[in-house]
Amino acid sequence: METFRSSLTLFLGLLVEAIPFLILGVLVSGLLLFFVDEQKLINLLPQHPFLGALAGSLIGFLFPVCECGNVPVARRLLSKGVSTPVAIGFLLAAPTINPVVVWATWTAFRDQPEIVVLRMVFSLVIATLIGWIFSVQSDLKPFLQPAIAMMVPEARSTSDQAVERPTLLQSGSFLLDQPGKPVRLDANNFQSVLNPPQSKPQGVMNRLQLLLDNTLQELRELGGVLVLGSLIATVIQVAVPREIILGLGQGPISSVVAMMTLGGVISICSTVDSFFALSFASTFTTGAILAFLVFGPMFDLKSMGLMLTVFKARAVAYIFGLVMLLTLFFTLVINLWVS
């Protein structure tokens, strides 16, 4: 019974911590959909793959969302026609490269400013490099879930073709034209909802109503995935004694691997993970603490579930592999350099 109570407390704690940031991400996503001019947004972003990845990695300063809210925004950026490097760079960097997380990390590690600086630098470099690598794939649609691929501008010209749509995880693929009347979000329906042929273009109040309806729809879909990811994280944390992970924290390599594993499993929000990592600072190496702070926000069990609403499993596996290898490399260099 005590174990059940602890598990329930941990599960609810993850949800309570994550849901506000998921709501923030969905709201930002909706604002991009209804109030941001697509062409102006694209024109402001660099076309060069490397510069686009760098710009995408820095957009988090404009949209301060954690790993619970970056996926809806990244999905909306894709639907707005931004390039692959920009979307991937934002997806990976936004949970860390934003003013809220910078402030929280500084508060926790004020006596170790190198932790704050290196966390931001490593996160920015890794996100930019991965975004740049994905630019080799000029057409991202084979990596996207079918419903999301239909929203990408390049795919809209083939919208008449039969495309298999999943019955689940269709976040952002519906709008509510009127209460209780969902319509699928494709190019024609989207324009007809925003600008009905029998009337003038929708005003601000109409768009706000659509924003509310769309937000509720996305929260219902993404919230289910968030609950599932939090449940899996809770089960693993309860089933695997923390002593096993702590026992690996003495060596320069084993400590990094242990903290990366912990960061991926514990699924703690990037706005507060620095305070959690601070409790390990006296027993783990500097590289291991950085591995936790860099890898966790980019890829954990919760974000993996949310990523699968946008990307196919193959693309998520590529992202995971690249994040893991680059984080391992940079943090091992720190451990070997410090020692």
C-alpha atoms as a PDB file:
ATOM      1  CA  MET A   1       0.000   0.000   0.000  1.00  0.00           C
ATOM      2  CA  GLU A   2       2.858   2.367   0.809  1.00  0.00           C
ATOM      3  CA  THR A   3       4.416   1.657  -2.579  1.00  0.00           C
ATOM      4  CA  PHE A   4       1.098   2.401  -4.273  1.00  0.00           C
ATOM      5  CA  ARG A   5       0.770   5.700  -2.442  1.00  0.00           C
ATOM      6  CA  SER A   6       4.306   6.704  -3.375  1.00  0.00           C
ATOM      7  CA  SER A   7       3.679   5.762  -7.005  1.00  0.00           C
ATOM      8  CA  LEU A   8       0.428   7.714  -7.100  1.00  0.00           C
ATOM      9  CA  THR A   9       2.118  10.752  -5.551  1.00  0.00           C
ATOM     10  CA  LEU A  10       4.946  10.578  -8.091  1.00  0.00           C
ATOM     11  CA  PHE A  11       2.534  10.114 -11.001  1.00  0.00           C
ATOM     12  CA  LEU A  12       0.344  13.033  -9.966  1.00  0.00           C
ATOM     13  CA  GLY A  13       3.448  15.143  -9.297  1.00  0.00           C
ATOM     14  CA  LEU A  14       4.664  14.602 -12.869  1.00  0.00           C
ATOM     15  CA  LEU A  15       1.263  15.538 -14.270  1.00  0.00           C
ATOM     16  CA  VAL A  16       0.785  18.604 -12.069  1.00  0.00           C
ATOM     17  CA  GLU A  17       4.245  19.812 -13.013  1.00  0.00           C
ATOM     18  CA  ALA A  18       3.895  19.156 -16.736  1.00  0.00           C
ATOM     19  CA  ILE A  19       0.295  20.106 -17.556  1.00  0.00           C
ATOM     20  CA  PRO A  20       0.707  23.913 -17.151  1.00  0.00           C
ATOM     21  CA  PHE A  21       3.587  23.874 -19.629  1.00  0.00           C
ATOM     22  CA  LEU A  22       1.675  21.654 -22.036  1.00  0.00           C
ATOM     23  CA  ILE A  23      -1.166  24.178 -21.901  1.00  0.00           C
ATOM     24  CA  LEU A  24       1.328  26.977 -22.580  1.00  0.00           C
ATOM     25  CA  GLY A  25       2.726  25.105 -25.579  1.00  0.00           C
ATOM     26  CA  VAL A  26      -0.715  24.393 -27.023  1.00  0.00           C
ATOM     27  CA  LEU A  27      -1.736  28.038 -26.586  1.00  0.00           C
ATOM     28  CA  VAL A  28       1.407  29.247 -28.349  1.00  0.00           C
ATOM     29  CA  SER A  29       0.716  26.680 -31.063  1.00  0.00           C
ATOM     30  CA  GLY A  30      -2.802  28.012 -31.533  1.00  0.00           C
ATOM     31  CA  LEU A  31      -1.617  31.601 -31.580  1.00  0.00           C
ATOM     32  CA  LEU A  32       0.805  30.707 -34.362  1.00  0.00           C
ATOM     33  CA  LEU A  33      -2.010  29.015 -36.272  1.00  0.00           C
ATOM     34  CA  PHE A  34      -4.558  31.823 -36.080  1.00  0.00           C
ATOM     35  CA  PHE A  35      -2.606  35.053 -35.595  1.00  0.00           C
ATOM     36  CA  VAL A  36       0.830  34.692 -37.203  1.00  0.00           C
ATOM     37  CA  ASP A  37       1.193  35.449 -40.887  1.00  0.00           C
ATOM     38  CA  GLU A  38       2.788  32.354 -42.425  1.00  0.00           C
ATOM     39  CA  GLN A  39       4.777  34.139 -45.103  1.00  0.00           C
ATOM     40  CA  LYS A  40       6.126  36.806 -42.755  1.00  0.00           C
ATOM     41  CA  LEU A  41       7.305  34.145 -40.332  1.00  0.00           C
ATOM     42  CA  ILE A  42       9.083  32.202 -43.070  1.00  0.00           C
ATOM     43  CA  ASN A  43      10.671  35.345 -44.510  1.00  0.00           C
ATOM     44  CA  LEU A  44      12.218  36.222 -41.141  1.00  0.00           C
ATOM     45  CA  LEU A  45      14.018  32.884 -40.885  1.00  0.00           C
ATOM     46  CA  PRO A  46      17.337  32.157 -42.631  1.00  0.00           C
ATOM     47  CA  GLN A  47      17.195  29.835 -45.624  1.00  0.00           C
ATOM     48  CA  HIS A  48      20.707  28.480 -45.101  1.00  0.00           C
ATOM     49  CA  PRO A  49      20.446  25.058 -43.378  1.00  0.00           C
ATOM     50  CA  PHE A  50      22.982  25.778 -40.641  1.00  0.00           C
ATOM     51  CA  LEU A  51      21.747  29.299 -39.931  1.00  0.00           C
ATOM     52  CA  GLY A  52      18.165  28.033 -40.019  1.00  0.00           C
ATOM     53  CA  ALA A  53      18.989  25.375 -37.430  1.00  0.00           C
ATOM     54  CA  LEU A  54      20.708  27.990 -35.277  1.00  0.00           C
ATOM     55  CA  ALA A  55      17.765  30.376 -35.578  1.00  0.00           C
ATOM     56  CA  GLY A  56      15.318  27.591 -34.720  1.00  0.00           C
ATOM     57  CA  SER A  57      17.382  26.698 -31.659  1.00  0.00           C
ATOM     58  CA  LEU A  58      17.211  30.300 -30.450  1.00  0.00           C
ATOM     59  CA  ILE A  59      13.465  30.765 -31.011  1.00  0.00           C
ATOM     60  CA  GLY A  60      12.933  29.356 -27.531  1.00  0.00           C
ATOM     61  CA  PHE A  61      13.713  32.809 -26.173  1.00  0.00           C
ATOM     62  CA  LEU A  62      10.555  34.000 -27.942  1.00  0.00           C
ATOM     63  CA  PHE A  63       8.443  30.950 -27.072  1.00  0.00           C
ATOM     64  CA  PRO A  64       9.547  29.856 -23.568  1.00  0.00           C
ATOM     65  CA  VAL A  65       8.079  26.332 -23.434  1.00  0.00           C
ATOM     66  CA  CYS A  66       9.496  23.178 -21.849  1.00  0.00           C
ATOM     67  CA  GLU A  67       9.593  19.658 -23.313  1.00  0.00           C
ATOM     68  CA  CYS A  68       5.867  19.282 -22.590  1.00  0.00           C
ATOM     69  CA  GLY A  69       4.981  22.270 -24.775  1.00  0.00           C
ATOM     70  CA  ASN A  70       7.634  22.372 -27.499  1.00  0.00           C
ATOM     71  CA  VAL A  71       6.054  19.601 -29.602  1.00  0.00           C
ATOM     72  CA  PRO A  72       2.767  21.447 -30.330  1.00  0.00           C
ATOM     73  CA  VAL A  73       4.724  24.565 -31.284  1.00  0.00           C
ATOM     74  CA  ALA A  74       7.180  22.611 -33.475  1.00  0.00           C
ATOM     75  CA  ARG A  75       4.251  20.911 -35.184  1.00  0.00           C
ATOM     76  CA  ARG A  76       2.632  24.261 -35.872  1.00  0.00           C
ATOM     77  CA  LEU A  77       5.897  25.662 -37.229  1.00  0.00           C
ATOM     78  CA  LEU A  78       6.046  22.732 -39.652  1.00  0.00           C
ATOM     79  CA  SER A  79       2.466  23.387 -40.727  1.00  0.00           C
ATOM     80  CA  LYS A  80       3.406  27.027 -41.319  1.00  0.00           C
ATOM     81  CA  GLY A  81       6.069  25.930 -43.783  1.00  0.00           C
ATOM     82  CA  VAL A  82       9.301  26.516 -41.867  1.00  0.00           C
ATOM     83  CA  SER A  83      12.289  24.480 -42.969  1.00  0.00           C
ATOM     84  CA  THR A  84      13.296  21.181 -41.400  1.00  0.00           C
ATOM     85  CA  PRO A  85      16.426  22.582 -39.639  1.00  0.00           C
ATOM     86  CA  VAL A  86      14.368  25.337 -37.997  1.00  0.00           C
ATOM     87  CA  ALA A  87      11.693  22.944 -36.724  1.00  0.00           C
ATOM     88  CA  ILE A  88      14.173  20.333 -35.434  1.00  0.00           C
ATOM     89  CA  GLY A  89      16.396  22.992 -33.853  1.00  0.00           C
ATOM     90  CA  PHE A  90      13.425  24.481 -32.008  1.00  0.00           C
ATOM     91  CA  LEU A  91      12.086  21.068 -30.971  1.00  0.00           C
ATOM     92  CA  LEU A  92      15.355  20.133 -29.257  1.00  0.00           C
ATOM     93  CA  ALA A  93      16.573  23.474 -27.915  1.00  0.00           C
ATOM     94  CA  ALA A  94      13.404  25.233 -26.759  1.00  0.00           C
ATOM     95  CA  PRO A  95      13.072  23.261 -23.477  1.00  0.00           C
ATOM     96  CA  THR A  96      16.487  24.581 -22.386  1.00  0.00           C
ATOM     97  CA  ILE A  97      17.239  27.699 -24.433  1.00  0.00           C
ATOM     98  CA  ASN A  98      14.580  29.898 -22.911  1.00  0.00           C
ATOM     99  CA  PRO A  99      14.667  32.594 -20.210  1.00  0.00           C
ATOM    100  CA  VAL A 100      12.669  30.612 -17.638  1.00  0.00           C
ATOM    101  CA  VAL A 101      15.084  27.656 -17.652  1.00  0.00           C
ATOM    102  CA  VAL A 102      18.159  29.899 -17.728  1.00  0.00           C
ATOM    103  CA  TRP A 103      16.900  31.672 -14.624  1.00  0.00           C
ATOM    104  CA  ALA A 104      16.019  28.410 -12.853  1.00  0.00           C
ATOM    105  CA  THR A 105      19.409  26.861 -13.621  1.00  0.00           C
ATOM    106  CA  TRP A 106      21.221  29.960 -12.398  1.00  0.00           C
ATOM    107  CA  THR A 107      19.192  29.904  -9.191  1.00  0.00           C
ATOM    108  CA  ALA A 108      20.105  26.269  -8.520  1.00  0.00           C
ATOM    109  CA  PHE A 109      23.781  26.434  -9.551  1.00  0.00           C
ATOM    110  CA  ARG A 110      24.691  29.986  -8.600  1.00  0.00           C
ATOM    111  CA  ASP A 111      27.898  28.717  -7.002  1.00  0.00           C
ATOM    112  CA  GLN A 112      28.777  26.771 -10.162  1.00  0.00           C
ATOM    113  CA  PRO A 113      28.190  29.196 -13.039  1.00  0.00           C
ATOM    114  CA  GLU A 114      30.059  26.875 -15.413  1.00  0.00           C
ATOM    115  CA  ILE A 115      27.120  24.456 -15.143  1.00  0.00           C
ATOM    116  CA  VAL A 116      24.735  27.169 -16.314  1.00  0.00           C
ATOM    117  CA  VAL A 117      26.936  28.263 -19.216  1.00  0.00           C
ATOM    118  CA  LEU A 118      27.840  24.764 -20.390  1.00  0.00           C
ATOM    119  CA  ARG A 119      24.224  23.599 -20.229  1.00  0.00           C
ATOM    120  CA  MET A 120      23.140  26.375 -22.567  1.00  0.00           C
ATOM    121  CA  VAL A 121      26.133  25.989 -24.887  1.00  0.00           C
ATOM    122  CA  PHE A 122      25.848  22.214 -25.185  1.00  0.00           C
ATOM    123  CA  SER A 123      22.082  22.359 -25.729  1.00  0.00           C
ATOM    124  CA  LEU A 124      22.448  25.022 -28.410  1.00  0.00           C
ATOM    125  CA  VAL A 125      25.280  23.205 -30.211  1.00  0.00           C
ATOM    126  CA  ILE A 126      23.565  19.798 -30.136  1.00  0.00           C
ATOM    127  CA  ALA A 127      20.201  21.153 -31.336  1.00  0.00           C
ATOM    128  CA  THR A 128      21.847  23.160 -34.113  1.00  0.00           C
ATOM    129  CA  LEU A 129      23.956  20.222 -35.305  1.00  0.00           C
ATOM    130  CA  ILE A 130      21.003  17.822 -35.369  1.00  0.00           C
ATOM    131  CA  GLY A 131      18.838  20.359 -37.177  1.00  0.00           C
ATOM    132  CA  TRP A 132      21.650  20.815 -39.697  1.00  0.00           C
ATOM    133  CA  ILE A 133      21.973  17.039 -40.122  1.00  0.00           C
ATOM    134  CA  PHE A 134      18.237  16.715 -40.785  1.00  0.00           C
ATOM    135  CA  SER A 135      18.546  19.352 -43.528  1.00  0.00           C
ATOM    136  CA  VAL A 136      20.060  16.596 -45.675  1.00  0.00           C
ATOM    137  CA  GLN A 137      16.509  15.200 -45.824  1.00  0.00           C
ATOM    138  CA  SER A 138      15.045  17.854 -48.103  1.00  0.00           C
ATOM    139  CA  ASP A 139      11.543  16.380 -47.882  1.00  0.00           C
ATOM    140  CA  LEU A 140      10.598  15.662 -44.271  1.00  0.00           C
ATOM    141  CA  LYS A 141       7.192  14.191 -45.107  1.00  0.00           C
ATOM    142  CA  PRO A 142       8.407  10.533 -45.102  1.00  0.00           C
ATOM    143  CA  PHE A 143       9.428  11.084 -41.463  1.00  0.00           C
ATOM    144  CA  LEU A 144       6.095  12.647 -40.436  1.00  0.00           C
ATOM    145  CA  GLN A 145       2.868  11.029 -39.328  1.00  0.00           C
ATOM    146  CA  PRO A 146       0.437  11.061 -42.303  1.00  0.00           C
ATOM    147  CA  ALA A 147      -1.971  13.546 -40.708  1.00  0.00           C
ATOM    148  CA  ILE A 148       0.887  15.949 -39.988  1.00  0.00           C
ATOM    149  CA  ALA A 149       2.402  15.494 -43.453  1.00  0.00           C
ATOM    150  CA  MET A 150      -0.884  16.667 -44.950  1.00  0.00           C
ATOM    151  CA  MET A 151      -0.542  19.944 -43.041  1.00  0.00           C
ATOM    152  CA  VAL A 152       2.913  20.724 -44.442  1.00  0.00           C
ATOM    153  CA  PRO A 153       2.524  23.201 -47.326  1.00  0.00           C
ATOM    154  CA  GLU A 154       4.487  21.090 -49.808  1.00  0.00           C
ATOM    155  CA  ALA A 155       2.086  18.222 -49.190  1.00  0.00           C
ATOM    156  CA  ARG A 156      -1.108  20.193 -49.688  1.00  0.00           C
ATOM    157  CA  SER A 157      -0.942  20.006 -53.454  1.00  0.00           C
ATOM    158  CA  THR A 158      -1.471  16.253 -53.173  1.00  0.00           C
ATOM    159  CA  SER A 159      -4.277  16.516 -50.636  1.00  0.00           C
ATOM    160  CA  ASP A 160      -6.732  14.892 -53.058  1.00  0.00           C
ATOM    161  CA  GLN A 161      -4.740  11.675 -52.987  1.00  0.00           C
ATOM    162  CA  ALA A 162      -5.742   8.973 -50.550  1.00  0.00           C
ATOM    163  CA  VAL A 163      -3.477   9.137 -47.548  1.00  0.00           C
ATOM    164  CA  GLU A 164      -3.870   6.757 -44.655  1.00  0.00           C
ATOM    165  CA  ARG A 165      -4.632   8.637 -41.449  1.00  0.00           C
ATOM    166  CA  PRO A 166      -4.174   7.118 -38.015  1.00  0.00           C
ATOM    167  CA  THR A 167      -7.289   6.834 -35.873  1.00  0.00           C
ATOM    168  CA  LEU A 168      -5.300   7.936 -32.810  1.00  0.00           C
ATOM    169  CA  LEU A 169      -2.748  10.649 -32.101  1.00  0.00           C
ATOM    170  CA  GLN A 170      -4.125  13.080 -34.668  1.00  0.00           C
ATOM    171  CA  SER A 171      -3.261  16.186 -32.655  1.00  0.00           C
ATOM    172  CA  GLY A 172      -3.972  19.383 -34.524  1.00  0.00           C
ATOM    173  CA  SER A 173      -5.732  17.545 -37.374  1.00  0.00           C
ATOM    174  CA  PHE A 174      -9.206  18.846 -36.461  1.00  0.00           C
ATOM    175  CA  LEU A 175     -10.871  22.183 -35.941  1.00  0.00           C
ATOM    176  CA  LEU A 176     -14.325  22.785 -34.537  1.00  0.00           C
ATOM    177  CA  ASP A 177     -16.280  24.782 -37.114  1.00  0.00           C
ATOM    178  CA  GLN A 178     -19.240  25.004 -34.743  1.00  0.00           C
ATOM    179  CA  PRO A 179     -19.751  23.469 -31.290  1.00  0.00           C
ATOM    180  CA  GLY A 180     -19.932  19.700 -31.702  1.00  0.00           C
ATOM    181  CA  LYS A 181     -19.066  19.790 -35.424  1.00  0.00           C
ATOM    182  CA  PRO A 182     -15.399  18.881 -35.967  1.00  0.00           C
ATOM    183  CA  VAL A 183     -13.880  19.311 -39.414  1.00  0.00           C
ATOM    184  CA  ARG A 184     -10.564  17.924 -40.590  1.00  0.00           C
ATOM    185  CA  LEU A 185      -7.706  20.409 -40.781  1.00  0.00           C
ATOM    186  CA  ASP A 186      -6.648  20.439 -44.416  1.00  0.00           C
ATOM    187  CA  ALA A 187      -6.027  23.412 -46.667  1.00  0.00           C
ATOM    188  CA  ASN A 188      -9.601  23.756 -47.931  1.00  0.00           C
ATOM    189  CA  ASN A 189     -11.347  23.262 -44.597  1.00  0.00           C
ATOM    190  CA  PHE A 190      -8.905  25.506 -42.789  1.00  0.00           C
ATOM    191  CA  GLN A 191      -9.567  28.384 -45.174  1.00  0.00           C
ATOM    192  CA  SER A 192     -13.330  27.778 -45.165  1.00  0.00           C
ATOM    193  CA  VAL A 193     -13.421  27.854 -41.366  1.00  0.00           C
ATOM    194  CA  LEU A 194     -11.333  31.010 -41.096  1.00  0.00           C
ATOM    195  CA  ASN A 195     -12.947  32.739 -44.080  1.00  0.00           C
ATOM    196  CA  PRO A 196     -16.409  31.306 -44.834  1.00  0.00           C
ATOM    197  CA  PRO A 197     -17.410  32.048 -48.449  1.00  0.00           C
ATOM    198  CA  GLN A 198     -20.698  33.644 -47.412  1.00  0.00           C
ATOM    199  CA  SER A 199     -19.101  36.167 -45.069  1.00  0.00           C
ATOM    200  CA  LYS A 200     -16.175  38.457 -44.580  1.00  0.00           C
ATOM    201  CA  PRO A 201     -12.916  37.111 -43.099  1.00  0.00           C
ATOM    202  CA  GLN A 202     -13.244  36.164 -39.454  1.00  0.00           C
ATOM    203  CA  GLY A 203     -12.615  38.904 -36.941  1.00  0.00           C
ATOM    204  CA  VAL A 204     -10.545  38.722 -33.800  1.00  0.00           C
ATOM    205  CA  MET A 205     -13.384  37.372 -31.629  1.00  0.00           C
ATOM    206  CA  ASN A 206     -14.144  34.578 -34.096  1.00  0.00           C
ATOM    207  CA  ARG A 207     -10.499  33.621 -34.242  1.00  0.00           C
ATOM    208  CA  LEU A 208     -10.293  33.645 -30.448  1.00  0.00           C
ATOM    209  CA  GLN A 209     -13.234  31.219 -30.330  1.00  0.00           C
ATOM    210  CA  LEU A 210     -11.489  28.970 -32.860  1.00  0.00           C
ATOM    211  CA  LEU A 211      -8.302  29.236 -30.790  1.00  0.00           C
ATOM    212  CA  LEU A 212     -10.183  28.039 -27.701  1.00  0.00           C
ATOM    213  CA  ASP A 213     -11.821  25.155 -29.563  1.00  0.00           C
ATOM    214  CA  ASN A 214      -8.538  24.062 -31.125  1.00  0.00           C
ATOM    215  CA  THR A 215      -6.732  24.327 -27.777  1.00  0.00           C
ATOM    216  CA  LEU A 216      -9.268  22.046 -26.095  1.00  0.00           C
ATOM    217  CA  GLN A 217      -8.978  19.531 -28.935  1.00  0.00           C
ATOM    218  CA  GLU A 218      -5.172  19.413 -28.766  1.00  0.00           C
ATOM    219  CA  LEU A 219      -5.151  19.221 -24.971  1.00  0.00           C
ATOM    220  CA  ARG A 220      -7.484  16.230 -25.106  1.00  0.00           C
ATOM    221  CA  GLU A 221      -5.230  14.401 -27.557  1.00  0.00           C
ATOM    222  CA  LEU A 222      -1.782  15.402 -26.289  1.00  0.00           C
ATOM    223  CA  GLY A 223      -2.923  15.147 -22.672  1.00  0.00           C
ATOM    224  CA  GLY A 224      -3.656  11.456 -23.170  1.00  0.00           C
ATOM    225  CA  VAL A 225      -0.147  10.879 -24.441  1.00  0.00           C
ATOM    226  CA  LEU A 226       1.280  12.871 -21.544  1.00  0.00           C
ATOM    227  CA  VAL A 227      -0.610  10.729 -19.023  1.00  0.00           C
ATOM    228  CA  LEU A 228       0.694   7.542 -20.653  1.00  0.00           C
ATOM    229  CA  GLY A 229       4.299   8.800 -20.657  1.00  0.00           C
ATOM    230  CA  SER A 230       4.046   9.901 -17.032  1.00  0.00           C
ATOM    231  CA  LEU A 231       2.634   6.502 -16.065  1.00  0.00           C
ATOM    232  CA  ILE A 232       5.527   4.669 -17.759  1.00  0.00           C
ATOM    233  CA  ALA A 233       8.066   6.965 -16.080  1.00  0.00           C
ATOM    234  CA  THR A 234       6.454   6.346 -12.696  1.00  0.00           C
ATOM    235  CA  VAL A 235       6.497   2.566 -13.081  1.00  0.00           C
ATOM    236  CA  ILE A 236      10.175   2.542 -14.051  1.00  0.00           C
ATOM    237  CA  GLN A 237      11.168   4.848 -11.204  1.00  0.00           C
ATOM    238  CA  VAL A 238       9.378   2.678  -8.661  1.00  0.00           C
ATOM    239  CA  ALA A 239      10.583  -0.631 -10.111  1.00  0.00           C
ATOM    240  CA  VAL A 240      14.284   0.311 -10.364  1.00  0.00           C
ATOM    241  CA  PRO A 241      15.872   1.207  -7.001  1.00  0.00           C
ATOM    242  CA  ARG A 242      17.683   4.517  -7.117  1.00  0.00           C
ATOM    243  CA  GLU A 243      20.666   2.901  -5.366  1.00  0.00           C
ATOM    244  CA  ILE A 244      21.421   0.990  -8.548  1.00  0.00           C
ATOM    245  CA  ILE A 245      21.798   4.223 -10.484  1.00  0.00           C
ATOM    246  CA  LEU A 246      23.690   5.986  -7.699  1.00  0.00           C
ATOM    247  CA  GLY A 247      26.142   3.082  -7.523  1.00  0.00           C
ATOM    248  CA  LEU A 248      27.174   3.815 -11.111  1.00  0.00           C
ATOM    249  CA  GLY A 249      27.969   7.471 -10.442  1.00  0.00           C
ATOM    250  CA  GLN A 250      31.630   7.242  -9.485  1.00  0.00           C
ATOM    251  CA  GLY A 251      33.372   6.749 -12.852  1.00  0.00           C
ATOM    252  CA  PRO A 252      33.670   9.371 -15.600  1.00  0.00           C
ATOM    253  CA  ILE A 253      31.796   7.174 -18.095  1.00  0.00           C
ATOM    254  CA  SER A 254      29.381   5.256 -15.875  1.00  0.00           C
ATOM    255  CA  SER A 255      28.252   8.444 -14.125  1.00  0.00           C
ATOM    256  CA  VAL A 256      27.365  10.091 -17.432  1.00  0.00           C
ATOM    257  CA  VAL A 257      25.459   7.042 -18.655  1.00  0.00           C
ATOM    258  CA  ALA A 258      23.633   6.745 -15.327  1.00  0.00           C
ATOM    259  CA  MET A 259      22.534  10.400 -15.283  1.00  0.00           C
ATOM    260  CA  MET A 260      21.485  10.319 -18.948  1.00  0.00           C
ATOM    261  CA  THR A 261      19.377   7.268 -18.145  1.00  0.00           C
ATOM    262  CA  LEU A 262      17.927   8.995 -15.100  1.00  0.00           C
ATOM    263  CA  GLY A 263      17.158  12.123 -17.111  1.00  0.00           C
ATOM    264  CA  GLY A 264      15.362  10.105 -19.776  1.00  0.00           C
ATOM    265  CA  VAL A 265      13.373   8.025 -17.299  1.00  0.00           C
ATOM    266  CA  ILE A 266      12.445  10.499 -14.584  1.00  0.00           C
ATOM    267  CA  SER A 267      10.903  12.888 -17.136  1.00  0.00           C
ATOM    268  CA  ILE A 268      11.116  15.932 -14.894  1.00  0.00           C
ATOM    269  CA  CYS A 269      10.235  19.302 -16.392  1.00  0.00           C
ATOM    270  CA  SER A 270      13.174  21.385 -17.603  1.00  0.00           C
ATOM    271  CA  THR A 271      12.005  24.372 -15.558  1.00  0.00           C
ATOM    272  CA  VAL A 272      12.716  22.527 -12.306  1.00  0.00           C
ATOM    273  CA  ASP A 273      15.159  19.757 -13.265  1.00  0.00           C
ATOM    274  CA  SER A 274      18.161  21.834 -12.171  1.00  0.00           C
ATOM    275  CA  PHE A 275      16.962  21.682  -8.555  1.00  0.00           C
ATOM    276  CA  PHE A 276      16.633  17.918  -8.826  1.00  0.00           C
ATOM    277  CA  ALA A 277      20.127  17.657 -10.346  1.00  0.00           C
ATOM    278  CA  LEU A 278      21.531  19.818  -7.546  1.00  0.00           C
ATOM    279  CA  SER A 279      20.837  16.978  -5.089  1.00  0.00           C
ATOM    280  CA  PHE A 280      23.301  14.793  -7.019  1.00  0.00           C
ATOM    281  CA  ALA A 281      26.007  17.437  -7.418  1.00  0.00           C
ATOM    282  CA  SER A 282      28.040  16.221  -4.436  1.00  0.00           C
ATOM    283  CA  THR A 283      28.123  12.573  -5.555  1.00  0.00           C
ATOM    284  CA  PHE A 284      28.225  12.779  -9.350  1.00  0.00           C
ATOM    285  CA  THR A 285      30.771  14.262 -11.735  1.00  0.00           C
ATOM    286  CA  THR A 286      30.280  17.614 -13.447  1.00  0.00           C
ATOM    287  CA  GLY A 287      29.883  15.873 -16.793  1.00  0.00           C
ATOM    288  CA  ALA A 288      27.180  13.623 -15.349  1.00  0.00           C
ATOM    289  CA  ILE A 289      25.184  16.590 -14.005  1.00  0.00           C
ATOM    290  CA  LEU A 290      25.444  18.244 -17.420  1.00  0.00           C
ATOM    291  CA  ALA A 291      24.374  15.006 -19.113  1.00  0.00           C
ATOM    292  CA  PHE A 292      21.206  15.008 -17.006  1.00  0.00           C
ATOM    293  CA  LEU A 293      20.496  18.691 -17.679  1.00  0.00           C
ATOM    294  CA  VAL A 294      21.143  18.466 -21.427  1.00  0.00           C
ATOM    295  CA  PHE A 295      19.788  15.049 -22.402  1.00  0.00           C
ATOM    296  CA  GLY A 296      16.633  14.961 -20.253  1.00  0.00           C
ATOM    297  CA  PRO A 297      14.916  18.066 -21.684  1.00  0.00           C
ATOM    298  CA  MET A 298      15.698  16.970 -25.246  1.00  0.00           C
ATOM    299  CA  PHE A 299      14.532  13.395 -24.943  1.00  0.00           C
ATOM    300  CA  ASP A 300      12.649  11.684 -22.120  1.00  0.00           C
ATOM    301  CA  LEU A 301       9.739   9.265 -21.937  1.00  0.00           C
ATOM    302  CA  LYS A 302       7.102  12.007 -21.955  1.00  0.00           C
ATOM    303  CA  SER A 303       8.590  13.905 -24.882  1.00  0.00           C
ATOM    304  CA  MET A 304       9.104  10.656 -26.812  1.00  0.00           C
ATOM    305  CA  GLY A 305       5.380   9.984 -26.656  1.00  0.00           C
ATOM    306  CA  LEU A 306       4.612  13.527 -27.771  1.00  0.00           C
ATOM    307  CA  MET A 307       7.167  13.341 -30.600  1.00  0.00           C
ATOM    308  CA  LEU A 308       5.431  10.230 -31.915  1.00  0.00           C
ATOM    309  CA  THR A 309       2.338  12.349 -32.544  1.00  0.00           C
ATOM    310  CA  VAL A 310       4.373  14.275 -35.126  1.00  0.00           C
ATOM    311  CA  PHE A 311       7.171  11.978 -36.326  1.00  0.00           C
ATOM    312  CA  LYS A 312       7.237   8.337 -37.291  1.00  0.00           C
ATOM    313  CA  ALA A 313       9.140   5.946 -35.035  1.00  0.00           C
ATOM    314  CA  ARG A 314      12.139   5.894 -37.386  1.00  0.00           C
ATOM    315  CA  ALA A 315      12.630   9.654 -37.154  1.00  0.00           C
ATOM    316  CA  VAL A 316      12.243   9.595 -33.356  1.00  0.00           C
ATOM    317  CA  ALA A 317      14.887   6.845 -33.209  1.00  0.00           C
ATOM    318  CA  TYR A 318      17.268   8.990 -35.295  1.00  0.00           C
ATOM    319  CA  ILE A 319      16.718  11.984 -33.015  1.00  0.00           C
ATOM    320  CA  PHE A 320      17.268   9.848 -29.920  1.00  0.00           C
ATOM    321  CA  GLY A 321      20.496   8.346 -31.291  1.00  0.00           C
ATOM    322  CA  LEU A 322      21.966  11.700 -32.277  1.00  0.00           C
ATOM    323  CA  VAL A 323      21.040  13.408 -29.000  1.00  0.00           C
ATOM    324  CA  MET A 324      22.471  10.511 -27.010  1.00  0.00           C
ATOM    325  CA  LEU A 325      25.775  10.346 -28.903  1.00  0.00           C
ATOM    326  CA  LEU A 326      26.415  14.098 -28.925  1.00  0.00           C
ATOM    327  CA  THR A 327      25.496  14.496 -25.254  1.00  0.00           C
ATOM    328  CA  LEU A 328      27.742  11.565 -24.351  1.00  0.00           C
ATOM    329  CA  PHE A 329      30.635  13.029 -26.329  1.00  0.00           C
ATOM    330  CA  PHE A 330      30.466  16.561 -24.897  1.00  0.00           C
ATOM    331  CA  THR A 331      29.955  15.498 -21.285  1.00  0.00           C
ATOM    332  CA  LEU A 332      32.723  12.887 -21.439  1.00  0.00           C
ATOM    333  CA  VAL A 333      35.082  15.591 -22.701  1.00  0.00           C
ATOM    334  CA  ILE A 334      34.178  17.671 -19.640  1.00  0.00           C
ATOM    335  CA  ASN A 335      34.778  14.746 -17.288  1.00  0.00           C
ATOM    336  CA  LEU A 336      38.141  13.887 -18.816  1.00  0.00           C
ATOM    337  CA  TRP A 337      39.177  17.542 -18.939  1.00  0.00           C
ATOM    338  CA  VAL A 338      38.211  18.206 -15.313  1.00  0.00           C
ATOM    339  CA  SER A 339      39.912  15.039 -14.065  1.00  0.00           C
END
